[in-house]
Amino acid sequence: MESKIMAGTIEVMVLEVVNPEPAYGYWITQEVLKRSDGAVQLKEGSLYPALHKMERNGLLKAYWEESEAGRRRKFYRITAKGQKALETKRREWQRHMVGVNAVLGIQADVLA
């Protein structure tokens, strides 16, 4: 169960980060680090298998693009199916966190 929670957490974070515009792996890791104020560090060993799985499942579409420096990067963009999954995962995450916070005795207004 714990690995399933972690995989789902990575998936929802990646979908959220690539939602506004496509991104490549390293940028995704840095954006998650920045948005989490350093609390979440996505490692390559977790990120790339998750990206490939999401691509296989139709949540992301990948394409190659060359940078100004001539370096090729694989970008990932969210698909319509990925958008729907993100909406569902956001709701599931919120319900999950409300439940965990209730068990821990943390009130929602404390988090705001």
PDB file of N, CA and C in Angstrom:
ATOM      1  N   MET A   1       0.828  -1.204   0.000  1.00  0.00           N
ATOM      2  CA  MET A   1       0.000   0.000   0.000  1.00  0.00           C
ATOM      3  C   MET A   1       0.863   1.256   0.000  1.00  0.00           C
ATOM      4  N   GLU A   2       1.944   1.280   0.778  1.00  0.00           N
ATOM      5  CA  GLU A   2       2.780   2.467   0.863  1.00  0.00           C
ATOM      6  C   GLU A   2       3.398   2.812  -0.486  1.00  0.00           C
ATOM      7  N   SER A   3       3.868   1.813  -1.235  1.00  0.00           N
ATOM      8  CA  SER A   3       4.454   2.102  -2.545  1.00  0.00           C
ATOM      9  C   SER A   3       3.379   2.612  -3.500  1.00  0.00           C
ATOM     10  N   LYS A   4       2.139   2.136  -3.350  1.00  0.00           N
ATOM     11  CA  LYS A   4       1.040   2.614  -4.183  1.00  0.00           C
ATOM     12  C   LYS A   4       0.741   4.080  -3.875  1.00  0.00           C
ATOM     13  N   ILE A   5       0.778   4.452  -2.594  1.00  0.00           N
ATOM     14  CA  ILE A   5       0.569   5.846  -2.201  1.00  0.00           C
ATOM     15  C   ILE A   5       1.675   6.714  -2.778  1.00  0.00           C
ATOM     16  N   MET A   6       2.922   6.266  -2.674  1.00  0.00           N
ATOM     17  CA  MET A   6       4.040   7.041  -3.196  1.00  0.00           C
ATOM     18  C   MET A   6       3.931   7.198  -4.699  1.00  0.00           C
ATOM     19  N   ALA A   7       3.597   6.133  -5.416  1.00  0.00           N
ATOM     20  CA  ALA A   7       3.452   6.210  -6.870  1.00  0.00           C
ATOM     21  C   ALA A   7       2.340   7.181  -7.239  1.00  0.00           C
ATOM     22  N   GLY A   8       1.231   7.132  -6.533  1.00  0.00           N
ATOM     23  CA  GLY A   8       0.121   8.054  -6.785  1.00  0.00           C
ATOM     24  C   GLY A   8       0.482   9.489  -6.478  1.00  0.00           C
ATOM     25  N   THR A   9       1.303   9.687  -5.469  1.00  0.00           N
ATOM     26  CA  THR A   9       1.757  11.028  -5.108  1.00  0.00           C
ATOM     27  C   THR A   9       2.643  11.603  -6.200  1.00  0.00           C
ATOM     28  N   ILE A  10       3.567  10.820  -6.690  1.00  0.00           N
ATOM     29  CA  ILE A  10       4.440  11.271  -7.777  1.00  0.00           C
ATOM     30  C   ILE A  10       3.598  11.609  -9.001  1.00  0.00           C
ATOM     31  N   GLU A  11       2.654  10.743  -9.316  1.00  0.00           N
ATOM     32  CA  GLU A  11       1.819  10.941 -10.501  1.00  0.00           C
ATOM     33  C   GLU A  11       1.039  12.244 -10.428  1.00  0.00           C
ATOM     34  N   VAL A  12       0.394  12.518  -9.307  1.00  0.00           N
ATOM     35  CA  VAL A  12      -0.410  13.734  -9.195  1.00  0.00           C
ATOM     36  C   VAL A  12       0.489  14.970  -9.227  1.00  0.00           C
ATOM     37  N   MET A  13       1.663  14.904  -8.631  1.00  0.00           N
ATOM     38  CA  MET A  13       2.575  16.052  -8.668  1.00  0.00           C
ATOM     39  C   MET A  13       3.064  16.317 -10.089  1.00  0.00           C
ATOM     40  N   VAL A  14       3.433  15.276 -10.806  1.00  0.00           N
ATOM     41  CA  VAL A  14       3.916  15.436 -12.182  1.00  0.00           C
ATOM     42  C   VAL A  14       2.802  15.985 -13.066  1.00  0.00           C
ATOM     43  N   LEU A  15       1.612  15.425 -12.967  1.00  0.00           N
ATOM     44  CA  LEU A  15       0.501  15.917 -13.777  1.00  0.00           C
ATOM     45  C   LEU A  15       0.234  17.387 -13.493  1.00  0.00           C
ATOM     46  N   GLU A  16       0.303  17.776 -12.247  1.00  0.00           N
ATOM     47  CA  GLU A  16       0.077  19.173 -11.874  1.00  0.00           C
ATOM     48  C   GLU A  16       1.154  20.082 -12.464  1.00  0.00           C
ATOM     49  N   VAL A  17       2.397  19.652 -12.392  1.00  0.00           N
ATOM     50  CA  VAL A  17       3.508  20.479 -12.870  1.00  0.00           C
ATOM     51  C   VAL A  17       3.482  20.646 -14.390  1.00  0.00           C
ATOM     52  N   VAL A  18       3.120  19.597 -15.114  1.00  0.00           N
ATOM     53  CA  VAL A  18       3.091  19.705 -16.582  1.00  0.00           C
ATOM     54  C   VAL A  18       1.740  20.198 -17.099  1.00  0.00           C
ATOM     55  N   ASN A  19       0.805  20.443 -16.202  1.00  0.00           N
ATOM     56  CA  ASN A  19      -0.531  20.879 -16.613  1.00  0.00           C
ATOM     57  C   ASN A  19      -0.518  22.189 -17.396  1.00  0.00           C
ATOM     58  N   PRO A  20       0.131  23.231 -16.929  1.00  0.00           N
ATOM     59  CA  PRO A  20       0.050  24.472 -17.703  1.00  0.00           C
ATOM     60  C   PRO A  20       0.848  24.437 -19.005  1.00  0.00           C
ATOM     61  N   GLU A  21       1.985  23.755 -18.982  1.00  0.00           N
ATOM     62  CA  GLU A  21       2.806  23.683 -20.191  1.00  0.00           C
ATOM     63  C   GLU A  21       3.746  22.489 -20.113  1.00  0.00           C
ATOM     64  N   PRO A  22       4.163  21.968 -21.263  1.00  0.00           N
ATOM     65  CA  PRO A  22       5.062  20.803 -21.268  1.00  0.00           C
ATOM     66  C   PRO A  22       6.370  21.091 -20.543  1.00  0.00           C
ATOM     67  N   ALA A  23       6.986  20.020 -20.045  1.00  0.00           N
ATOM     68  CA  ALA A  23       8.237  20.159 -19.310  1.00  0.00           C
ATOM     69  C   ALA A  23       9.077  18.902 -19.491  1.00  0.00           C
ATOM     70  N   TYR A  24      10.378  19.020 -19.240  1.00  0.00           N
ATOM     71  CA  TYR A  24      11.285  17.882 -19.308  1.00  0.00           C
ATOM     72  C   TYR A  24      11.637  17.447 -17.888  1.00  0.00           C
ATOM     73  N   GLY A  25      12.179  16.253 -17.770  1.00  0.00           N
ATOM     74  CA  GLY A  25      12.395  15.617 -16.482  1.00  0.00           C
ATOM     75  C   GLY A  25      13.103  16.456 -15.432  1.00  0.00           C
ATOM     76  N   TYR A  26      14.281  16.992 -15.760  1.00  0.00           N
ATOM     77  CA  TYR A  26      15.033  17.757 -14.759  1.00  0.00           C
ATOM     78  C   TYR A  26      14.237  18.971 -14.288  1.00  0.00           C
ATOM     79  N   TRP A  27      13.570  19.656 -15.219  1.00  0.00           N
ATOM     80  CA  TRP A  27      12.776  20.828 -14.846  1.00  0.00           C
ATOM     81  C   TRP A  27      11.649  20.411 -13.901  1.00  0.00           C
ATOM     82  N   ILE A  28      11.034  19.255 -14.168  1.00  0.00           N
ATOM     83  CA  ILE A  28       9.966  18.763 -13.290  1.00  0.00           C
ATOM     84  C   ILE A  28      10.497  18.575 -11.873  1.00  0.00           C
ATOM     85  N   THR A  29      11.676  17.951 -11.742  1.00  0.00           N
ATOM     86  CA  THR A  29      12.234  17.732 -10.398  1.00  0.00           C
ATOM     87  C   THR A  29      12.487  19.052  -9.688  1.00  0.00           C
ATOM     88  N   GLN A  30      12.993  20.030 -10.410  1.00  0.00           N
ATOM     89  CA  GLN A  30      13.297  21.324  -9.808  1.00  0.00           C
ATOM     90  C   GLN A  30      12.030  22.095  -9.451  1.00  0.00           C
ATOM     91  N   GLU A  31      11.012  21.974 -10.272  1.00  0.00           N
ATOM     92  CA  GLU A  31       9.749  22.660  -9.999  1.00  0.00           C
ATOM     93  C   GLU A  31       9.054  22.067  -8.771  1.00  0.00           C
ATOM     94  N   VAL A  32       9.075  20.747  -8.648  1.00  0.00           N
ATOM     95  CA  VAL A  32       8.495  20.100  -7.465  1.00  0.00           C
ATOM     96  C   VAL A  32       9.274  20.518  -6.220  1.00  0.00           C
ATOM     97  N   LEU A  33      10.577  20.553  -6.314  1.00  0.00           N
ATOM     98  CA  LEU A  33      11.420  20.985  -5.187  1.00  0.00           C
ATOM     99  C   LEU A  33      11.078  22.418  -4.789  1.00  0.00           C
ATOM    100  N   LYS A  34      10.943  23.291  -5.780  1.00  0.00           N
ATOM    101  CA  LYS A  34      10.632  24.695  -5.517  1.00  0.00           C
ATOM    102  C   LYS A  34       9.236  24.857  -4.914  1.00  0.00           C
ATOM    103  N   ARG A  35       8.248  24.222  -5.529  1.00  0.00           N
ATOM    104  CA  ARG A  35       6.868  24.366  -5.045  1.00  0.00           C
ATOM    105  C   ARG A  35       6.675  23.773  -3.660  1.00  0.00           C
ATOM    106  N   SER A  36       7.456  22.747  -3.334  1.00  0.00           N
ATOM    107  CA  SER A  36       7.331  22.111  -2.014  1.00  0.00           C
ATOM    108  C   SER A  36       8.247  22.756  -0.982  1.00  0.00           C
ATOM    109  N   ASP A  37       8.897  23.845  -1.364  1.00  0.00           N
ATOM    110  CA  ASP A  37       9.827  24.550  -0.485  1.00  0.00           C
ATOM    111  C   ASP A  37      10.920  23.608   0.033  1.00  0.00           C
ATOM    112  N   GLY A  38      11.378  22.733  -0.868  1.00  0.00           N
ATOM    113  CA  GLY A  38      12.477  21.823  -0.545  1.00  0.00           C
ATOM    114  C   GLY A  38      12.070  20.543   0.164  1.00  0.00           C
ATOM    115  N   ALA A  39      10.784  20.372   0.425  1.00  0.00           N
ATOM    116  CA  ALA A  39      10.334  19.201   1.188  1.00  0.00           C
ATOM    117  C   ALA A  39      10.261  17.929   0.345  1.00  0.00           C
ATOM    118  N   VAL A  40      10.047  18.070  -0.968  1.00  0.00           N
ATOM    119  CA  VAL A  40       9.896  16.903  -1.837  1.00  0.00           C
ATOM    120  C   VAL A  40      10.988  16.926  -2.889  1.00  0.00           C
ATOM    121  N   GLN A  41      11.807  15.888  -2.879  1.00  0.00           N
ATOM    122  CA  GLN A  41      12.882  15.750  -3.863  1.00  0.00           C
ATOM    123  C   GLN A  41      12.596  14.514  -4.703  1.00  0.00           C
ATOM    124  N   LEU A  42      12.178  14.739  -5.940  1.00  0.00           N
ATOM    125  CA  LEU A  42      11.951  13.619  -6.845  1.00  0.00           C
ATOM    126  C   LEU A  42      13.288  13.151  -7.385  1.00  0.00           C
ATOM    127  N   LYS A  43      13.572  11.897  -7.211  1.00  0.00           N
ATOM    128  CA  LYS A  43      14.812  11.308  -7.716  1.00  0.00           C
ATOM    129  C   LYS A  43      14.561  10.723  -9.095  1.00  0.00           C
ATOM    130  N   GLU A  44      15.605  10.697  -9.919  1.00  0.00           N
ATOM    131  CA  GLU A  44      15.483  10.152 -11.271  1.00  0.00           C
ATOM    132  C   GLU A  44      14.935   8.729 -11.257  1.00  0.00           C
ATOM    133  N   GLY A  45      15.356   7.939 -10.278  1.00  0.00           N
ATOM    134  CA  GLY A  45      14.929   6.549 -10.192  1.00  0.00           C
ATOM    135  C   GLY A  45      13.445   6.385  -9.935  1.00  0.00           C
ATOM    136  N   SER A  46      12.794   7.423  -9.429  1.00  0.00           N
ATOM    137  CA  SER A  46      11.344   7.404  -9.223  1.00  0.00           C
ATOM    138  C   SER A  46      10.620   8.146 -10.342  1.00  0.00           C
ATOM    139  N   LEU A  47      11.207   9.267 -10.770  1.00  0.00           N
ATOM    140  CA  LEU A  47      10.540  10.117 -11.744  1.00  0.00           C
ATOM    141  C   LEU A  47      10.401   9.459 -13.110  1.00  0.00           C
ATOM    142  N   TYR A  48      11.505   8.981 -13.676  1.00  0.00           N
ATOM    143  CA  TYR A  48      11.452   8.493 -15.054  1.00  0.00           C
ATOM    144  C   TYR A  48      10.580   7.248 -15.232  1.00  0.00           C
ATOM    145  N   PRO A  49      10.607   6.284 -14.309  1.00  0.00           N
ATOM    146  CA  PRO A  49       9.650   5.181 -14.440  1.00  0.00           C
ATOM    147  C   PRO A  49       8.193   5.669 -14.367  1.00  0.00           C
ATOM    148  N   ALA A  50       7.938   6.677 -13.513  1.00  0.00           N
ATOM    149  CA  ALA A  50       6.585   7.230 -13.414  1.00  0.00           C
ATOM    150  C   ALA A  50       6.193   7.932 -14.714  1.00  0.00           C
ATOM    151  N   LEU A  51       7.111   8.704 -15.299  1.00  0.00           N
ATOM    152  CA  LEU A  51       6.832   9.376 -16.570  1.00  0.00           C
ATOM    153  C   LEU A  51       6.522   8.364 -17.670  1.00  0.00           C
ATOM    154  N   HIS A  52       7.328   7.317 -17.736  1.00  0.00           N
ATOM    155  CA  HIS A  52       7.115   6.298 -18.770  1.00  0.00           C
ATOM    156  C   HIS A  52       5.779   5.577 -18.572  1.00  0.00           C
ATOM    157  N   LYS A  53       5.438   5.285 -17.331  1.00  0.00           N
ATOM    158  CA  LYS A  53       4.159   4.630 -17.043  1.00  0.00           C
ATOM    159  C   LYS A  53       2.994   5.540 -17.417  1.00  0.00           C
ATOM    160  N   MET A  54       3.100   6.822 -17.080  1.00  0.00           N
ATOM    161  CA  MET A  54       2.024   7.757 -17.415  1.00  0.00           C
ATOM    162  C   MET A  54       1.893   7.919 -18.926  1.00  0.00           C
ATOM    163  N   GLU A  55       3.016   7.851 -19.626  1.00  0.00           N
ATOM    164  CA  GLU A  55       2.973   7.918 -21.090  1.00  0.00           C
ATOM    165  C   GLU A  55       2.283   6.664 -21.655  1.00  0.00           C
ATOM    166  N   ARG A  56       2.652   5.495 -21.146  1.00  0.00           N
ATOM    167  CA  ARG A  56       2.022   4.239 -21.586  1.00  0.00           C
ATOM    168  C   ARG A  56       0.519   4.240 -21.322  1.00  0.00           C
ATOM    169  N   ASN A  57       0.124   4.859 -20.202  1.00  0.00           N
ATOM    170  CA  ASN A  57      -1.290   4.885 -19.817  1.00  0.00           C
ATOM    171  C   ASN A  57      -2.069   6.020 -20.482  1.00  0.00           C
ATOM    172  N   GLY A  58      -1.398   6.795 -21.325  1.00  0.00           N
ATOM    173  CA  GLY A  58      -2.076   7.850 -22.068  1.00  0.00           C
ATOM    174  C   GLY A  58      -2.315   9.136 -21.302  1.00  0.00           C
ATOM    175  N   LEU A  59      -1.677   9.290 -20.135  1.00  0.00           N
ATOM    176  CA  LEU A  59      -1.845  10.511 -19.348  1.00  0.00           C
ATOM    177  C   LEU A  59      -0.924  11.622 -19.828  1.00  0.00           C
ATOM    178  N   LEU A  60       0.204  11.229 -20.401  1.00  0.00           N
ATOM    179  CA  LEU A  60       1.194  12.175 -20.932  1.00  0.00           C
ATOM    180  C   LEU A  60       1.536  11.792 -22.361  1.00  0.00           C
ATOM    181  N   LYS A  61       1.939  12.767 -23.130  1.00  0.00           N
ATOM    182  CA  LYS A  61       2.460  12.559 -24.481  1.00  0.00           C
ATOM    183  C   LYS A  61       3.874  13.135 -24.487  1.00  0.00           C
ATOM    184  N   ALA A  62       4.832  12.359 -24.978  1.00  0.00           N
ATOM    185  CA  ALA A  62       6.229  12.790 -24.993  1.00  0.00           C
ATOM    186  C   ALA A  62       6.659  13.176 -26.399  1.00  0.00           C
ATOM    187  N   TYR A  63       7.574  14.110 -26.467  1.00  0.00           N
ATOM    188  CA  TYR A  63       8.176  14.503 -27.742  1.00  0.00           C
ATOM    189  C   TYR A  63       9.560  15.078 -27.481  1.00  0.00           C
ATOM    190  N   TRP A  64      10.397  15.031 -28.480  1.00  0.00           N
ATOM    191  CA  TRP A  64      11.762  15.535 -28.366  1.00  0.00           C
ATOM    192  C   TRP A  64      11.837  16.949 -28.923  1.00  0.00           C
ATOM    193  N   GLU A  65      12.644  17.772 -28.264  1.00  0.00           N
ATOM    194  CA  GLU A  65      12.853  19.141 -28.718  1.00  0.00           C
ATOM    195  C   GLU A  65      14.319  19.505 -28.492  1.00  0.00           C
ATOM    196  N   GLU A  66      14.862  20.267 -29.418  1.00  0.00           N
ATOM    197  CA  GLU A  66      16.260  20.685 -29.303  1.00  0.00           C
ATOM    198  C   GLU A  66      16.321  22.076 -28.684  1.00  0.00           C
ATOM    199  N   SER A  67      17.227  22.245 -27.703  1.00  0.00           N
ATOM    200  CA  SER A  67      17.392  23.540 -27.053  1.00  0.00           C
ATOM    201  C   SER A  67      18.261  24.450 -27.920  1.00  0.00           C
ATOM    202  N   GLU A  68      18.376  25.694 -27.531  1.00  0.00           N
ATOM    203  CA  GLU A  68      19.219  26.648 -28.259  1.00  0.00           C
ATOM    204  C   GLU A  68      20.674  26.203 -28.274  1.00  0.00           C
ATOM    205  N   ALA A  69      21.077  25.491 -27.238  1.00  0.00           N
ATOM    206  CA  ALA A  69      22.455  24.999 -27.145  1.00  0.00           C
ATOM    207  C   ALA A  69      22.664  23.730 -27.977  1.00  0.00           C
ATOM    208  N   GLY A  70      21.600  23.262 -28.650  1.00  0.00           N
ATOM    209  CA  GLY A  70      21.710  22.078 -29.486  1.00  0.00           C
ATOM    210  C   GLY A  70      21.505  20.771 -28.747  1.00  0.00           C
ATOM    211  N   ARG A  71      21.067  20.855 -27.517  1.00  0.00           N
ATOM    212  CA  ARG A  71      20.844  19.664 -26.694  1.00  0.00           C
ATOM    213  C   ARG A  71      19.395  19.194 -26.834  1.00  0.00           C
ATOM    214  N   ARG A  72      19.213  17.898 -27.075  1.00  0.00           N
ATOM    215  CA  ARG A  72      17.862  17.344 -27.203  1.00  0.00           C
ATOM    216  C   ARG A  72      17.308  16.995 -25.823  1.00  0.00           C
ATOM    217  N   ARG A  73      16.043  17.370 -25.620  1.00  0.00           N
ATOM    218  CA  ARG A  73      15.366  17.054 -24.369  1.00  0.00           C
ATOM    219  C   ARG A  73      14.012  16.434 -24.693  1.00  0.00           C
ATOM    220  N   LYS A  74      13.642  15.484 -23.860  1.00  0.00           N
ATOM    221  CA  LYS A  74      12.327  14.851 -24.012  1.00  0.00           C
ATOM    222  C   LYS A  74      11.333  15.608 -23.135  1.00  0.00           C
ATOM    223  N   PHE A  75      10.342  16.186 -23.776  1.00  0.00           N
ATOM    224  CA  PHE A  75       9.308  16.938 -23.078  1.00  0.00           C
ATOM    225  C   PHE A  75       8.070  16.077 -22.915  1.00  0.00           C
ATOM    226  N   TYR A  76       7.324  16.379 -21.867  1.00  0.00           N
ATOM    227  CA  TYR A  76       6.075  15.686 -21.581  1.00  0.00           C
ATOM    228  C   TYR A  76       4.967  16.717 -21.462  1.00  0.00           C
ATOM    229  N   ARG A  77       3.852  16.440 -22.146  1.00  0.00           N
ATOM    230  CA  ARG A  77       2.684  17.312 -22.018  1.00  0.00           C
ATOM    231  C   ARG A  77       1.503  16.462 -21.573  1.00  0.00           C
ATOM    232  N   ILE A  78       0.619  17.082 -20.843  1.00  0.00           N
ATOM    233  CA  ILE A  78      -0.553  16.378 -20.337  1.00  0.00           C
ATOM    234  C   ILE A  78      -1.560  16.197 -21.468  1.00  0.00           C
ATOM    235  N   THR A  79      -2.237  15.064 -21.474  1.00  0.00           N
ATOM    236  CA  THR A  79      -3.273  14.767 -22.465  1.00  0.00           C
ATOM    237  C   THR A  79      -4.645  15.058 -21.852  1.00  0.00           C
ATOM    238  N   ALA A  80      -5.681  14.962 -22.664  1.00  0.00           N
ATOM    239  CA  ALA A  80      -7.049  15.128 -22.152  1.00  0.00           C
ATOM    240  C   ALA A  80      -7.336  14.077 -21.076  1.00  0.00           C
ATOM    241  N   LYS A  81      -6.879  12.846 -21.322  1.00  0.00           N
ATOM    242  CA  LYS A  81      -7.044  11.782 -20.321  1.00  0.00           C
ATOM    243  C   LYS A  81      -6.277  12.133 -19.048  1.00  0.00           C
ATOM    244  N   GLY A  82      -5.098  12.725 -19.207  1.00  0.00           N
ATOM    245  CA  GLY A  82      -4.305  13.153 -18.056  1.00  0.00           C
ATOM    246  C   GLY A  82      -4.986  14.263 -17.275  1.00  0.00           C
ATOM    247  N   GLN A  83      -5.650  15.181 -17.979  1.00  0.00           N
ATOM    248  CA  GLN A  83      -6.402  16.262 -17.325  1.00  0.00           C
ATOM    249  C   GLN A  83      -7.501  15.683 -16.441  1.00  0.00           C
ATOM    250  N   LYS A  84      -8.234  14.723 -16.982  1.00  0.00           N
ATOM    251  CA  LYS A  84      -9.311  14.090 -16.207  1.00  0.00           C
ATOM    252  C   LYS A  84      -8.741  13.357 -14.996  1.00  0.00           C
ATOM    253  N   ALA A  85      -7.630  12.660 -15.214  1.00  0.00           N
ATOM    254  CA  ALA A  85      -6.989  11.931 -14.109  1.00  0.00           C
ATOM    255  C   ALA A  85      -6.513  12.904 -13.035  1.00  0.00           C
ATOM    256  N   LEU A  86      -5.979  14.047 -13.452  1.00  0.00           N
ATOM    257  CA  LEU A  86      -5.511  15.045 -12.483  1.00  0.00           C
ATOM    258  C   LEU A  86      -6.660  15.551 -11.627  1.00  0.00           C
ATOM    259  N   GLU A  87      -7.783  15.854 -12.247  1.00  0.00           N
ATOM    260  CA  GLU A  87      -8.949  16.314 -11.487  1.00  0.00           C
ATOM    261  C   GLU A  87      -9.376  15.265 -10.461  1.00  0.00           C
ATOM    262  N   THR A  88      -9.434  14.005 -10.898  1.00  0.00           N
ATOM    263  CA  THR A  88      -9.811  12.915  -9.997  1.00  0.00           C
ATOM    264  C   THR A  88      -8.793  12.756  -8.878  1.00  0.00           C
ATOM    265  N   LYS A  89      -7.514  12.783  -9.219  1.00  0.00           N
ATOM    266  CA  LYS A  89      -6.458  12.592  -8.228  1.00  0.00           C
ATOM    267  C   LYS A  89      -6.403  13.735  -7.224  1.00  0.00           C
ATOM    268  N   ARG A  90      -6.702  14.954  -7.672  1.00  0.00           N
ATOM    269  CA  ARG A  90      -6.765  16.088  -6.740  1.00  0.00           C
ATOM    270  C   ARG A  90      -7.830  15.846  -5.678  1.00  0.00           C
ATOM    271  N   ARG A  91      -9.027  15.418  -6.132  1.00  0.00           N
ATOM    272  CA  ARG A  91     -10.115  15.150  -5.182  1.00  0.00           C
ATOM    273  C   ARG A  91      -9.745  14.010  -4.234  1.00  0.00           C
ATOM    274  N   GLU A  92      -9.157  12.937  -4.778  1.00  0.00           N
ATOM    275  CA  GLU A  92      -8.751  11.801  -3.946  1.00  0.00           C
ATOM    276  C   GLU A  92      -7.704  12.223  -2.927  1.00  0.00           C
ATOM    277  N   TRP A  93      -6.736  13.041  -3.364  1.00  0.00           N
ATOM    278  CA  TRP A  93      -5.674  13.495  -2.465  1.00  0.00           C
ATOM    279  C   TRP A  93      -6.268  14.335  -1.337  1.00  0.00           C
ATOM    280  N   GLN A  94      -7.190  15.206  -1.673  1.00  0.00           N
ATOM    281  CA  GLN A  94      -7.805  16.052  -0.664  1.00  0.00           C
ATOM    282  C   GLN A  94      -8.552  15.203   0.369  1.00  0.00           C
ATOM    283  N   ARG A  95      -9.326  14.217  -0.101  1.00  0.00           N
ATOM    284  CA  ARG A  95     -10.042  13.322   0.826  1.00  0.00           C
ATOM    285  C   ARG A  95      -9.057  12.553   1.699  1.00  0.00           C
ATOM    286  N   HIS A  96      -7.983  12.065   1.087  1.00  0.00           N
ATOM    287  CA  HIS A  96      -6.967  11.312   1.821  1.00  0.00           C
ATOM    288  C   HIS A  96      -6.344  12.177   2.920  1.00  0.00           C
ATOM    289  N   MET A  97      -5.969  13.390   2.564  1.00  0.00           N
ATOM    290  CA  MET A  97      -5.315  14.273   3.536  1.00  0.00           C
ATOM    291  C   MET A  97      -6.264  14.676   4.666  1.00  0.00           C
ATOM    292  N   VAL A  98      -7.533  14.893   4.356  1.00  0.00           N
ATOM    293  CA  VAL A  98      -8.510  15.201   5.394  1.00  0.00           C
ATOM    294  C   VAL A  98      -8.574  14.033   6.382  1.00  0.00           C
ATOM    295  N   GLY A  99      -8.596  12.816   5.856  1.00  0.00           N
ATOM    296  CA  GLY A  99      -8.634  11.637   6.717  1.00  0.00           C
ATOM    297  C   GLY A  99      -7.385  11.487   7.568  1.00  0.00           C
ATOM    298  N   VAL A 100      -6.215  11.650   6.958  1.00  0.00           N
ATOM    299  CA  VAL A 100      -4.955  11.542   7.698  1.00  0.00           C
ATOM    300  C   VAL A 100      -4.884  12.637   8.760  1.00  0.00           C
ATOM    301  N   ASN A 101      -5.251  13.858   8.386  1.00  0.00           N
ATOM    302  CA  ASN A 101      -5.220  14.962   9.351  1.00  0.00           C
ATOM    303  C   ASN A 101      -6.167  14.710  10.514  1.00  0.00           C
ATOM    304  N   ALA A 102      -7.318  14.100  10.235  1.00  0.00           N
ATOM    305  CA  ALA A 102      -8.255  13.783  11.313  1.00  0.00           C
ATOM    306  C   ALA A 102      -7.648  12.772  12.277  1.00  0.00           C
ATOM    307  N   VAL A 103      -6.966  11.777  11.733  1.00  0.00           N
ATOM    308  CA  VAL A 103      -6.312  10.774  12.582  1.00  0.00           C
ATOM    309  C   VAL A 103      -5.213  11.441  13.433  1.00  0.00           C
ATOM    310  N   LEU A 104      -4.483  12.366  12.830  1.00  0.00           N
ATOM    311  CA  LEU A 104      -3.397  13.046  13.538  1.00  0.00           C
ATOM    312  C   LEU A 104      -3.872  14.174  14.449  1.00  0.00           C
ATOM    313  N   GLY A 105      -5.157  14.516  14.350  1.00  0.00           N
ATOM    314  CA  GLY A 105      -5.696  15.592  15.175  1.00  0.00           C
ATOM    315  C   GLY A 105      -5.319  16.971  14.678  1.00  0.00           C
ATOM    316  N   ILE A 106      -5.041  17.083  13.375  1.00  0.00           N
ATOM    317  CA  ILE A 106      -4.700  18.370  12.782  1.00  0.00           C
ATOM    318  C   ILE A 106      -5.950  18.944  12.146  1.00  0.00           C
ATOM    319  N   GLN A 107      -6.328  20.130  12.552  1.00  0.00           N
ATOM    320  CA  GLN A 107      -7.517  20.770  11.989  1.00  0.00           C
ATOM    321  C   GLN A 107      -7.158  21.479  10.691  1.00  0.00           C
ATOM    322  N   ALA A 108      -8.107  21.529   9.772  1.00  0.00           N
ATOM    323  CA  ALA A 108      -7.884  22.133   8.460  1.00  0.00           C
ATOM    324  C   ALA A 108      -7.483  23.591   8.563  1.00  0.00           C
ATOM    325  N   ASP A 109      -8.037  24.336   9.531  1.00  0.00           N
ATOM    326  CA  ASP A 109      -7.709  25.767   9.625  1.00  0.00           C
ATOM    327  C   ASP A 109      -6.267  25.983  10.080  1.00  0.00           C
ATOM    328  N   VAL A 110      -5.651  24.963  10.705  1.00  0.00           N
ATOM    329  CA  VAL A 110      -4.257  25.059  11.111  1.00  0.00           C
ATOM    330  C   VAL A 110      -3.352  25.032   9.873  1.00  0.00           C
ATOM    331  N   LEU A 111      -3.778  24.311   8.832  1.00  0.00           N
ATOM    332  CA  LEU A 111      -2.991  24.175   7.615  1.00  0.00           C
ATOM    333  C   LEU A 111      -3.085  25.398   6.716  1.00  0.00           C
ATOM    334  N   ALA A 112      -4.135  26.153   6.844  1.00  0.00           N
ATOM    335  CA  ALA A 112      -4.345  27.309   5.951  1.00  0.00           C
ATOM    336  C   ALA A 112      -3.439  28.462   6.253  1.00  0.00           C
TER     337      ALA A 112
END
